[in-house]
PDB file of N, CA and C in Angstrom:
ATOM      1  N   MET A   1     -64.038 184.109 -83.821  1.00  0.00           N
ATOM      2  CA  MET A   1     -63.768 182.953 -82.981  1.00  0.00           C
ATOM      3  C   MET A   1     -62.465 183.151 -82.209  1.00  0.00           C
ATOM      4  N   ARG A   2     -61.478 183.785 -82.853  1.00  0.00           N
ATOM      5  CA  ARG A   2     -60.219 184.033 -82.119  1.00  0.00           C
ATOM      6  C   ARG A   2     -60.486 184.855 -80.871  1.00  0.00           C
ATOM      7  N   HIS A   3     -61.334 185.872 -81.024  1.00  0.00           N
ATOM      8  CA  HIS A   3     -61.654 186.734 -79.882  1.00  0.00           C
ATOM      9  C   HIS A   3     -62.348 185.932 -78.781  1.00  0.00           C
ATOM     10  N   LEU A   4     -63.337 185.114 -79.170  1.00  0.00           N
ATOM     11  CA  LEU A   4     -64.065 184.321 -78.178  1.00  0.00           C
ATOM     12  C   LEU A   4     -63.130 183.360 -77.467  1.00  0.00           C
ATOM     13  N   LYS A   5     -62.202 182.755 -78.203  1.00  0.00           N
ATOM     14  CA  LYS A   5     -61.237 181.830 -77.588  1.00  0.00           C
ATOM     15  C   LYS A   5     -60.248 182.571 -76.705  1.00  0.00           C
ATOM     16  N   SER A   6     -59.706 183.680 -77.203  1.00  0.00           N
ATOM     17  CA  SER A   6     -58.684 184.396 -76.439  1.00  0.00           C
ATOM     18  C   SER A   6     -59.237 184.976 -75.140  1.00  0.00           C
ATOM     19  N   CYS A   7     -60.512 185.317 -75.133  1.00  0.00           N
ATOM     20  CA  CYS A   7     -61.141 185.859 -73.922  1.00  0.00           C
ATOM     21  C   CYS A   7     -61.825 184.763 -73.094  1.00  0.00           C
ATOM     22  N   ASN A   8     -61.682 183.511 -73.540  1.00  0.00           N
ATOM     23  CA  ASN A   8     -62.251 182.373 -72.821  1.00  0.00           C
ATOM     24  C   ASN A   8     -63.750 182.536 -72.564  1.00  0.00           C
ATOM     25  N   ILE A   9     -64.475 182.959 -73.607  1.00  0.00           N
ATOM     26  CA  ILE A   9     -65.909 183.208 -73.479  1.00  0.00           C
ATOM     27  C   ILE A   9     -66.712 181.926 -73.633  1.00  0.00           C
ATOM     28  N   LEU A  10     -66.278 181.041 -74.532  1.00  0.00           N
ATOM     29  CA  LEU A  10     -66.991 179.781 -74.762  1.00  0.00           C
ATOM     30  C   LEU A  10     -66.483 178.705 -73.810  1.00  0.00           C
ATOM     31  N   THR A  11     -67.390 177.860 -73.348  1.00  0.00           N
ATOM     32  CA  THR A  11     -66.988 176.753 -72.487  1.00  0.00           C
ATOM     33  C   THR A  11     -66.700 175.524 -73.342  1.00  0.00           C
ATOM     34  N   GLU A  12     -66.067 174.524 -72.737  1.00  0.00           N
ATOM     35  CA  GLU A  12     -65.795 173.272 -73.433  1.00  0.00           C
ATOM     36  C   GLU A  12     -67.079 172.546 -73.792  1.00  0.00           C
ATOM     37  N   PHE A  13     -68.176 172.883 -73.141  1.00  0.00           N
ATOM     38  CA  PHE A  13     -69.453 172.232 -73.404  1.00  0.00           C
ATOM     39  C   PHE A  13     -70.158 172.794 -74.638  1.00  0.00           C
ATOM     40  N   GLN A  14     -69.670 173.922 -75.169  1.00  0.00           N
ATOM     41  CA  GLN A  14     -70.256 174.540 -76.353  1.00  0.00           C
ATOM     42  C   GLN A  14     -69.811 173.765 -77.591  1.00  0.00           C
ATOM     43  N   HIS A  15     -70.744 173.163 -78.286  1.00  0.00           N
ATOM     44  CA  HIS A  15     -70.399 172.397 -79.480  1.00  0.00           C
ATOM     45  C   HIS A  15     -70.899 173.056 -80.756  1.00  0.00           C
ATOM     46  N   GLY A  16     -72.066 173.662 -80.736  1.00  0.00           N
ATOM     47  CA  GLY A  16     -72.609 174.275 -81.940  1.00  0.00           C
ATOM     48  C   GLY A  16     -71.740 175.424 -82.422  1.00  0.00           C
ATOM     49  N   PHE A  17     -71.546 175.523 -83.730  1.00  0.00           N
ATOM     50  CA  PHE A  17     -70.828 176.617 -84.375  1.00  0.00           C
ATOM     51  C   PHE A  17     -69.350 176.681 -84.003  1.00  0.00           C
ATOM     52  N   ARG A  18     -68.751 175.520 -83.675  1.00  0.00           N
ATOM     53  CA  ARG A  18     -67.324 175.479 -83.355  1.00  0.00           C
ATOM     54  C   ARG A  18     -66.626 174.477 -84.256  1.00  0.00           C
ATOM     55  N   LYS A  19     -65.391 174.776 -84.622  1.00  0.00           N
ATOM     56  CA  LYS A  19     -64.598 173.913 -85.481  1.00  0.00           C
ATOM     57  C   LYS A  19     -64.443 172.535 -84.844  1.00  0.00           C
ATOM     58  N   SER A  20     -64.647 171.505 -85.636  1.00  0.00           N
ATOM     59  CA  SER A  20     -64.524 170.101 -85.213  1.00  0.00           C
ATOM     60  C   SER A  20     -65.551 169.712 -84.155  1.00  0.00           C
ATOM     61  N   ARG A  21     -66.577 170.527 -83.971  1.00  0.00           N
ATOM     62  CA  ARG A  21     -67.662 170.224 -83.038  1.00  0.00           C
ATOM     63  C   ARG A  21     -68.978 170.552 -83.714  1.00  0.00           C
ATOM     64  N   SER A  22     -70.036 169.923 -83.238  1.00  0.00           N
ATOM     65  CA  SER A  22     -71.350 170.175 -83.825  1.00  0.00           C
ATOM     66  C   SER A  22     -72.404 169.705 -82.846  1.00  0.00           C
ATOM     67  N   CYS A  23     -73.651 169.913 -83.205  1.00  0.00           N
ATOM     68  CA  CYS A  23     -74.748 169.371 -82.394  1.00  0.00           C
ATOM     69  C   CYS A  23     -74.652 167.854 -82.356  1.00  0.00           C
ATOM     70  N   GLU A  24     -74.191 167.272 -83.470  1.00  0.00           N
ATOM     71  CA  GLU A  24     -74.051 165.817 -83.533  1.00  0.00           C
ATOM     72  C   GLU A  24     -72.968 165.322 -82.585  1.00  0.00           C
ATOM     73  N   SER A  25     -71.836 166.049 -82.491  1.00  0.00           N
ATOM     74  CA  SER A  25     -70.772 165.616 -81.569  1.00  0.00           C
ATOM     75  C   SER A  25     -71.258 165.691 -80.124  1.00  0.00           C
ATOM     76  N   LYS A  26     -72.047 166.694 -79.811  1.00  0.00           N
ATOM     77  CA  LYS A  26     -72.604 166.804 -78.457  1.00  0.00           C
ATOM     78  C   LYS A  26     -73.577 165.662 -78.194  1.00  0.00           C
ATOM     79  N   LEU A  27     -74.375 165.309 -79.188  1.00  0.00           N
ATOM     80  CA  LEU A  27     -75.314 164.193 -79.044  1.00  0.00           C
ATOM     81  C   LEU A  27     -74.571 162.883 -78.807  1.00  0.00           C
ATOM     82  N   ILE A  28     -73.479 162.657 -79.523  1.00  0.00           N
ATOM     83  CA  ILE A  28     -72.681 161.435 -79.345  1.00  0.00           C
ATOM     84  C   ILE A  28     -72.134 161.359 -77.924  1.00  0.00           C
ATOM     85  N   ILE A  29     -71.627 162.469 -77.417  1.00  0.00           N
ATOM     86  CA  ILE A  29     -71.107 162.500 -76.036  1.00  0.00           C
ATOM     87  C   ILE A  29     -72.224 162.209 -75.043  1.00  0.00           C
ATOM     88  N   THR A  30     -73.394 162.786 -75.271  1.00  0.00           N
ATOM     89  CA  THR A  30     -74.533 162.575 -74.369  1.00  0.00           C
ATOM     90  C   THR A  30     -74.973 161.120 -74.370  1.00  0.00           C
ATOM     91  N   VAL A  31     -75.096 160.521 -75.562  1.00  0.00           N
ATOM     92  CA  VAL A  31     -75.496 159.112 -75.659  1.00  0.00           C
ATOM     93  C   VAL A  31     -74.452 158.230 -74.980  1.00  0.00           C
ATOM     94  N   ASP A  32     -73.171 158.545 -75.163  1.00  0.00           N
ATOM     95  CA  ASP A  32     -72.105 157.780 -74.507  1.00  0.00           C
ATOM     96  C   ASP A  32     -72.207 157.883 -72.989  1.00  0.00           C
ATOM     97  N   ASP A  33     -72.474 159.081 -72.479  1.00  0.00           N
ATOM     98  CA  ASP A  33     -72.644 159.269 -71.025  1.00  0.00           C
ATOM     99  C   ASP A  33     -73.822 158.447 -70.500  1.00  0.00           C
ATOM    100  N   ILE A  34     -74.939 158.462 -71.232  1.00  0.00           N
ATOM    101  CA  ILE A  34     -76.121 157.700 -70.806  1.00  0.00           C
ATOM    102  C   ILE A  34     -75.808 156.206 -70.805  1.00  0.00           C
ATOM    103  N   ALA A  35     -75.147 155.719 -71.875  1.00  0.00           N
ATOM    104  CA  ALA A  35     -74.795 154.294 -71.960  1.00  0.00           C
ATOM    105  C   ALA A  35     -73.859 153.897 -70.828  1.00  0.00           C
ATOM    106  N   HIS A  36     -72.887 154.747 -70.529  1.00  0.00           N
ATOM    107  CA  HIS A  36     -71.956 154.470 -69.425  1.00  0.00           C
ATOM    108  C   HIS A  36     -72.704 154.369 -68.100  1.00  0.00           C
ATOM    109  N   ASN A  37     -73.618 155.298 -67.862  1.00  0.00           N
ATOM    110  CA  ASN A  37     -74.395 155.279 -66.620  1.00  0.00           C
ATOM    111  C   ASN A  37     -75.277 154.039 -66.537  1.00  0.00           C
ATOM    112  N   LEU A  38     -75.891 153.656 -67.660  1.00  0.00           N
ATOM    113  CA  LEU A  38     -76.705 152.425 -67.672  1.00  0.00           C
ATOM    114  C   LEU A  38     -75.859 151.210 -67.333  1.00  0.00           C
ATOM    115  N   ASP A  39     -74.686 151.106 -67.962  1.00  0.00           N
ATOM    116  CA  ASP A  39     -73.777 149.981 -67.701  1.00  0.00           C
ATOM    117  C   ASP A  39     -73.319 149.947 -66.251  1.00  0.00           C
ATOM    118  N   SER A  40     -73.189 151.132 -65.646  1.00  0.00           N
ATOM    119  CA  SER A  40     -72.717 151.225 -64.261  1.00  0.00           C
ATOM    120  C   SER A  40     -73.850 151.201 -63.245  1.00  0.00           C
ATOM    121  N   GLY A  41     -75.092 151.098 -63.709  1.00  0.00           N
ATOM    122  CA  GLY A  41     -76.238 151.098 -62.806  1.00  0.00           C
ATOM    123  C   GLY A  41     -76.514 152.449 -62.178  1.00  0.00           C
ATOM    124  N   LEU A  42     -76.074 153.518 -62.826  1.00  0.00           N
ATOM    125  CA  LEU A  42     -76.269 154.866 -62.297  1.00  0.00           C
ATOM    126  C   LEU A  42     -77.503 155.511 -62.900  1.00  0.00           C
ATOM    127  N   GLN A  43     -78.100 156.403 -62.149  1.00  0.00           N
ATOM    128  CA  GLN A  43     -79.271 157.135 -62.610  1.00  0.00           C
ATOM    129  C   GLN A  43     -78.840 158.261 -63.537  1.00  0.00           C
ATOM    130  N   THR A  44     -79.629 158.507 -64.585  1.00  0.00           N
ATOM    131  CA  THR A  44     -79.403 159.622 -65.490  1.00  0.00           C
ATOM    132  C   THR A  44     -80.674 160.453 -65.557  1.00  0.00           C
ATOM    133  N   ASP A  45     -80.553 161.724 -65.274  1.00  0.00           N
ATOM    134  CA  ASP A  45     -81.683 162.648 -65.371  1.00  0.00           C
ATOM    135  C   ASP A  45     -81.440 163.574 -66.558  1.00  0.00           C
ATOM    136  N   LEU A  46     -82.454 163.769 -67.377  1.00  0.00           N
ATOM    137  CA  LEU A  46     -82.356 164.656 -68.534  1.00  0.00           C
ATOM    138  C   LEU A  46     -83.456 165.695 -68.493  1.00  0.00           C
ATOM    139  N   ILE A  47     -83.128 166.863 -68.939  1.00  0.00           N
ATOM    140  CA  ILE A  47     -84.122 167.917 -69.126  1.00  0.00           C
ATOM    141  C   ILE A  47     -84.046 168.304 -70.591  1.00  0.00           C
ATOM    142  N   LEU A  48     -85.141 168.167 -71.302  1.00  0.00           N
ATOM    143  CA  LEU A  48     -85.186 168.492 -72.723  1.00  0.00           C
ATOM    144  C   LEU A  48     -85.976 169.777 -72.907  1.00  0.00           C
ATOM    145  N   LEU A  49     -85.410 170.704 -73.641  1.00  0.00           N
ATOM    146  CA  LEU A  49     -86.056 171.988 -73.884  1.00  0.00           C
ATOM    147  C   LEU A  49     -86.272 172.160 -75.387  1.00  0.00           C
ATOM    148  N   ASP A  50     -87.365 172.746 -75.755  1.00  0.00           N
ATOM    149  CA  ASP A  50     -87.674 172.998 -77.158  1.00  0.00           C
ATOM    150  C   ASP A  50     -87.358 174.455 -77.470  1.00  0.00           C
ATOM    151  N   PHE A  51     -86.299 174.666 -78.226  1.00  0.00           N
ATOM    152  CA  PHE A  51     -85.906 176.017 -78.596  1.00  0.00           C
ATOM    153  C   PHE A  51     -86.306 176.351 -80.021  1.00  0.00           C
ATOM    154  N   SER A  52     -87.308 175.660 -80.544  1.00  0.00           N
ATOM    155  CA  SER A  52     -87.674 175.856 -81.946  1.00  0.00           C
ATOM    156  C   SER A  52     -88.054 177.298 -82.252  1.00  0.00           C
ATOM    157  N   LYS A  53     -88.582 178.014 -81.309  1.00  0.00           N
ATOM    158  CA  LYS A  53     -88.982 179.406 -81.535  1.00  0.00           C
ATOM    159  C   LYS A  53     -87.980 180.401 -80.940  1.00  0.00           C
ATOM    160  N   ALA A  54     -86.884 179.905 -80.384  1.00  0.00           N
ATOM    161  CA  ALA A  54     -85.956 180.790 -79.675  1.00  0.00           C
ATOM    162  C   ALA A  54     -85.454 181.917 -80.555  1.00  0.00           C
ATOM    163  N   PHE A  55     -85.085 181.626 -81.792  1.00  0.00           N
ATOM    164  CA  PHE A  55     -84.504 182.652 -82.634  1.00  0.00           C
ATOM    165  C   PHE A  55     -85.546 183.609 -83.185  1.00  0.00           C
ATOM    166  N   ASP A  56     -86.819 183.237 -83.089  1.00  0.00           N
ATOM    167  CA  ASP A  56     -87.877 184.180 -83.453  1.00  0.00           C
ATOM    168  C   ASP A  56     -88.059 185.225 -82.370  1.00  0.00           C
ATOM    169  N   LYS A  57     -87.575 184.945 -81.175  1.00  0.00           N
ATOM    170  CA  LYS A  57     -87.851 185.813 -80.038  1.00  0.00           C
ATOM    171  C   LYS A  57     -86.615 186.535 -79.498  1.00  0.00           C
ATOM    172  N   VAL A  58     -85.452 186.280 -80.065  1.00  0.00           N
ATOM    173  CA  VAL A  58     -84.235 186.926 -79.588  1.00  0.00           C
ATOM    174  C   VAL A  58     -84.282 188.408 -79.935  1.00  0.00           C
ATOM    175  N   SER A  59     -84.091 189.228 -78.945  1.00  0.00           N
ATOM    176  CA  SER A  59     -84.032 190.671 -79.160  1.00  0.00           C
ATOM    177  C   SER A  59     -82.698 191.009 -79.810  1.00  0.00           C
ATOM    178  N   HIS A  60     -82.746 191.555 -81.016  1.00  0.00           N
ATOM    179  CA  HIS A  60     -81.506 191.884 -81.701  1.00  0.00           C
ATOM    180  C   HIS A  60     -80.753 192.996 -80.974  1.00  0.00           C
ATOM    181  N   LEU A  61     -81.475 193.918 -80.379  1.00  0.00           N
ATOM    182  CA  LEU A  61     -80.806 194.980 -79.614  1.00  0.00           C
ATOM    183  C   LEU A  61     -80.055 194.390 -78.425  1.00  0.00           C
ATOM    184  N   ARG A  62     -80.666 193.438 -77.764  1.00  0.00           N
ATOM    185  CA  ARG A  62     -80.015 192.794 -76.619  1.00  0.00           C
ATOM    186  C   ARG A  62     -78.804 191.982 -77.073  1.00  0.00           C
ATOM    187  N   LEU A  63     -78.950 191.279 -78.199  1.00  0.00           N
ATOM    188  CA  LEU A  63     -77.839 190.520 -78.751  1.00  0.00           C
ATOM    189  C   LEU A  63     -76.670 191.445 -79.093  1.00  0.00           C
ATOM    190  N   LEU A  64     -76.955 192.567 -79.731  1.00  0.00           N
ATOM    191  CA  LEU A  64     -75.900 193.518 -80.072  1.00  0.00           C
ATOM    192  C   LEU A  64     -75.240 194.083 -78.820  1.00  0.00           C
ATOM    193  N   HIS A  65     -76.023 194.321 -77.775  1.00  0.00           N
ATOM    194  CA  HIS A  65     -75.471 194.804 -76.502  1.00  0.00           C
ATOM    195  C   HIS A  65     -74.519 193.764 -75.911  1.00  0.00           C
ATOM    196  N   LYS A  66     -74.909 192.485 -75.951  1.00  0.00           N
ATOM    197  CA  LYS A  66     -74.042 191.426 -75.421  1.00  0.00           C
ATOM    198  C   LYS A  66     -72.763 191.304 -76.238  1.00  0.00           C
ATOM    199  N   LEU A  67     -72.881 191.412 -77.563  1.00  0.00           N
ATOM    200  CA  LEU A  67     -71.686 191.348 -78.400  1.00  0.00           C
ATOM    201  C   LEU A  67     -70.724 192.475 -78.050  1.00  0.00           C
ATOM    202  N   LYS A  68     -71.277 193.673 -77.831  1.00  0.00           N
ATOM    203  CA  LYS A  68     -70.446 194.816 -77.445  1.00  0.00           C
ATOM    204  C   LYS A  68     -69.779 194.561 -76.100  1.00  0.00           C
ATOM    205  N   TYR A  69     -70.533 193.997 -75.158  1.00  0.00           N
ATOM    206  CA  TYR A  69     -70.003 193.664 -73.832  1.00  0.00           C
ATOM    207  C   TYR A  69     -68.818 192.697 -73.948  1.00  0.00           C
ATOM    208  N   TYR A  70     -68.917 191.747 -74.898  1.00  0.00           N
ATOM    209  CA  TYR A  70     -67.857 190.753 -75.076  1.00  0.00           C
ATOM    210  C   TYR A  70     -66.740 191.221 -76.002  1.00  0.00           C
ATOM    211  N   GLY A  71     -66.723 192.502 -76.345  1.00  0.00           N
ATOM    212  CA  GLY A  71     -65.588 193.070 -77.046  1.00  0.00           C
ATOM    213  C   GLY A  71     -65.736 193.219 -78.546  1.00  0.00           C
ATOM    214  N   ILE A  72     -66.933 193.007 -79.079  1.00  0.00           N
ATOM    215  CA  ILE A  72     -67.156 193.215 -80.508  1.00  0.00           C
ATOM    216  C   ILE A  72     -67.573 194.673 -80.687  1.00  0.00           C
ATOM    217  N   HIS A  73     -66.783 195.444 -81.427  1.00  0.00           N
ATOM    218  CA  HIS A  73     -67.028 196.891 -81.556  1.00  0.00           C
ATOM    219  C   HIS A  73     -66.894 197.333 -83.009  1.00  0.00           C
ATOM    220  N   GLY A  74     -67.137 198.604 -83.231  1.00  0.00           N
ATOM    221  CA  GLY A  74     -66.851 199.255 -84.495  1.00  0.00           C
ATOM    222  C   GLY A  74     -67.617 198.694 -85.674  1.00  0.00           C
ATOM    223  N   SER A  75     -66.913 198.600 -86.801  1.00  0.00           N
ATOM    224  CA  SER A  75     -67.578 198.220 -88.043  1.00  0.00           C
ATOM    225  C   SER A  75     -68.111 196.793 -88.011  1.00  0.00           C
ATOM    226  N   LEU A  76     -67.468 195.897 -87.249  1.00  0.00           N
ATOM    227  CA  LEU A  76     -67.985 194.527 -87.157  1.00  0.00           C
ATOM    228  C   LEU A  76     -69.346 194.513 -86.461  1.00  0.00           C
ATOM    229  N   LEU A  77     -69.470 195.251 -85.374  1.00  0.00           N
ATOM    230  CA  LEU A  77     -70.748 195.324 -84.671  1.00  0.00           C
ATOM    231  C   LEU A  77     -71.807 195.968 -85.565  1.00  0.00           C
ATOM    232  N   THR A  78     -71.438 196.996 -86.289  1.00  0.00           N
ATOM    233  CA  THR A  78     -72.361 197.646 -87.225  1.00  0.00           C
ATOM    234  C   THR A  78     -72.790 196.667 -88.315  1.00  0.00           C
ATOM    235  N   TRP A  79     -71.833 195.899 -88.853  1.00  0.00           N
ATOM    236  CA  TRP A  79     -72.138 194.923 -89.901  1.00  0.00           C
ATOM    237  C   TRP A  79     -73.130 193.878 -89.388  1.00  0.00           C
ATOM    238  N   ILE A  80     -72.900 193.362 -88.174  1.00  0.00           N
ATOM    239  CA  ILE A  80     -73.816 192.366 -87.599  1.00  0.00           C
ATOM    240  C   ILE A  80     -75.194 192.982 -87.423  1.00  0.00           C
ATOM    241  N   GLY A  81     -75.263 194.222 -86.912  1.00  0.00           N
ATOM    242  CA  GLY A  81     -76.548 194.909 -86.749  1.00  0.00           C
ATOM    243  C   GLY A  81     -77.274 195.074 -88.071  1.00  0.00           C
ATOM    244  N   ASN A  82     -76.543 195.455 -89.115  1.00  0.00           N
ATOM    245  CA  ASN A  82     -77.153 195.599 -90.440  1.00  0.00           C
ATOM    246  C   ASN A  82     -77.624 194.254 -90.982  1.00  0.00           C
ATOM    247  N   PHE A  83     -76.856 193.208 -90.713  1.00  0.00           N
ATOM    248  CA  PHE A  83     -77.233 191.872 -91.162  1.00  0.00           C
ATOM    249  C   PHE A  83     -78.540 191.422 -90.509  1.00  0.00           C
ATOM    250  N   LEU A  84     -78.707 191.724 -89.234  1.00  0.00           N
ATOM    251  CA  LEU A  84     -79.897 191.292 -88.496  1.00  0.00           C
ATOM    252  C   LEU A  84     -81.141 192.093 -88.852  1.00  0.00           C
ATOM    253  N   GLN A  85     -80.954 193.299 -89.334  1.00  0.00           N
ATOM    254  CA  GLN A  85     -82.079 194.195 -89.608  1.00  0.00           C
ATOM    255  C   GLN A  85     -82.971 193.635 -90.712  1.00  0.00           C
ATOM    256  N   GLY A  86     -84.253 193.472 -90.404  1.00  0.00           N
ATOM    257  CA  GLY A  86     -85.224 193.026 -91.386  1.00  0.00           C
ATOM    258  C   GLY A  86     -85.092 191.569 -91.804  1.00  0.00           C
ATOM    259  N   ARG A  87     -84.469 190.739 -90.992  1.00  0.00           N
ATOM    260  CA  ARG A  87     -84.268 189.322 -91.312  1.00  0.00           C
ATOM    261  C   ARG A  87     -85.590 188.581 -91.355  1.00  0.00           C
ATOM    262  N   VAL A  88     -85.711 187.658 -92.304  1.00  0.00           N
ATOM    263  CA  VAL A  88     -86.859 186.769 -92.411  1.00  0.00           C
ATOM    264  C   VAL A  88     -86.335 185.347 -92.360  1.00  0.00           C
ATOM    265  N   GLN A  89     -87.036 184.484 -91.640  1.00  0.00           N
ATOM    266  CA  GLN A  89     -86.582 183.108 -91.489  1.00  0.00           C
ATOM    267  C   GLN A  89     -87.739 182.155 -91.702  1.00  0.00           C
ATOM    268  N   ARG A  90     -87.472 181.043 -92.369  1.00  0.00           N
ATOM    269  CA  ARG A  90     -88.465 179.994 -92.501  1.00  0.00           C
ATOM    270  C   ARG A  90     -87.750 178.670 -92.657  1.00  0.00           C
ATOM    271  N   VAL A  91     -88.470 177.589 -92.423  1.00  0.00           N
ATOM    272  CA  VAL A  91     -87.927 176.240 -92.533  1.00  0.00           C
ATOM    273  C   VAL A  91     -88.705 175.512 -93.614  1.00  0.00           C
ATOM    274  N   VAL A  92     -87.970 174.819 -94.493  1.00  0.00           N
ATOM    275  CA  VAL A  92     -88.598 174.005 -95.530  1.00  0.00           C
ATOM    276  C   VAL A  92     -88.142 172.576 -95.330  1.00  0.00           C
ATOM    277  N   LEU A  93     -89.098 171.651 -95.210  1.00  0.00           N
ATOM    278  CA  LEU A  93     -88.794 170.239 -95.016  1.00  0.00           C
ATOM    279  C   LEU A  93     -89.756 169.425 -95.861  1.00  0.00           C
ATOM    280  N   ASP A  94     -89.213 168.576 -96.713  1.00  0.00           N
ATOM    281  CA  ASP A  94     -90.019 167.741 -97.606  1.00  0.00           C
ATOM    282  C   ASP A  94     -91.043 168.560 -98.389  1.00  0.00           C
ATOM    283  N   GLY A  95     -90.630 169.727 -98.845  1.00  0.00           N
ATOM    284  CA  GLY A  95     -91.503 170.562 -99.657  1.00  0.00           C
ATOM    285  C   GLY A  95     -92.512 171.377 -98.873  1.00  0.00           C
ATOM    286  N   GLU A  96     -92.605 171.167 -97.570  1.00  0.00           N
ATOM    287  CA  GLU A  96     -93.508 171.944 -96.715  1.00  0.00           C
ATOM    288  C   GLU A  96     -92.745 173.113 -96.111  1.00  0.00           C
ATOM    289  N   SER A  97     -93.370 174.262 -96.088  1.00  0.00           N
ATOM    290  CA  SER A  97     -92.714 175.459 -95.609  1.00  0.00           C
ATOM    291  C   SER A  97     -93.428 176.019 -94.385  1.00  0.00           C
ATOM    292  N   SER A  98     -92.622 176.410 -93.394  1.00  0.00           N
ATOM    293  CA  SER A  98     -93.207 177.095 -92.238  1.00  0.00           C
ATOM    294  C   SER A  98     -93.631 178.492 -92.677  1.00  0.00           C
ATOM    295  N   ASP A  99     -94.449 179.141 -91.880  1.00  0.00           N
ATOM    296  CA  ASP A  99     -94.819 180.518 -92.184  1.00  0.00           C
ATOM    297  C   ASP A  99     -93.569 181.381 -92.079  1.00  0.00           C
ATOM    298  N   GLN A 100     -93.442 182.333 -92.972  1.00  0.00           N
ATOM    299  CA  GLN A 100     -92.340 183.264 -92.858  1.00  0.00           C
ATOM    300  C   GLN A 100     -92.612 184.154 -91.663  1.00  0.00           C
ATOM    301  N   ALA A 101     -91.618 184.270 -90.821  1.00  0.00           N
ATOM    302  CA  ALA A 101     -91.768 185.114 -89.637  1.00  0.00           C
ATOM    303  C   ALA A 101     -90.646 186.113 -89.593  1.00  0.00           C
ATOM    304  N   LEU A 102     -90.978 187.369 -89.459  1.00  0.00           N
ATOM    305  CA  LEU A 102     -89.971 188.392 -89.328  1.00  0.00           C
ATOM    306  C   LEU A 102     -89.378 188.275 -87.941  1.00  0.00           C
ATOM    307  N   VAL A 103     -88.065 188.155 -87.870  1.00  0.00           N
ATOM    308  CA  VAL A 103     -87.384 188.065 -86.587  1.00  0.00           C
ATOM    309  C   VAL A 103     -87.358 189.460 -85.998  1.00  0.00           C
ATOM    310  N   SER A 104     -87.921 189.594 -84.804  1.00  0.00           N
ATOM    311  CA  SER A 104     -88.083 190.927 -84.219  1.00  0.00           C
ATOM    312  C   SER A 104     -86.797 191.500 -83.690  1.00  0.00           C
ATOM    313  N   SER A 105     -86.733 192.834 -83.646  1.00  0.00           N
ATOM    314  CA  SER A 105     -85.533 193.525 -83.157  1.00  0.00           C
ATOM    315  C   SER A 105     -85.604 193.753 -81.681  1.00  0.00           C
TER     316      SER A 105
END
């Protein structure tokens, strides 16, 4: 995170995976913006995207290339690559489990 901050890679709009920020904090800001616009009689346009399968389709090689581009090198990059290799992901909610899907490289 120090590297990402020092190189100004993340924008102020990035809330996920940041200290004192979360998806919930972004949602609160969005709801506040919508309420403000409603109170002011302004139009609000939203585009909602479903990224539920996004992480099943991320190319790990491409991700590693981007990390290298942003200054992540050496043993840290190797460690991340090893961590991603052969990853399996599934979601369990109320005792129901999604199919296990191997995240492709």
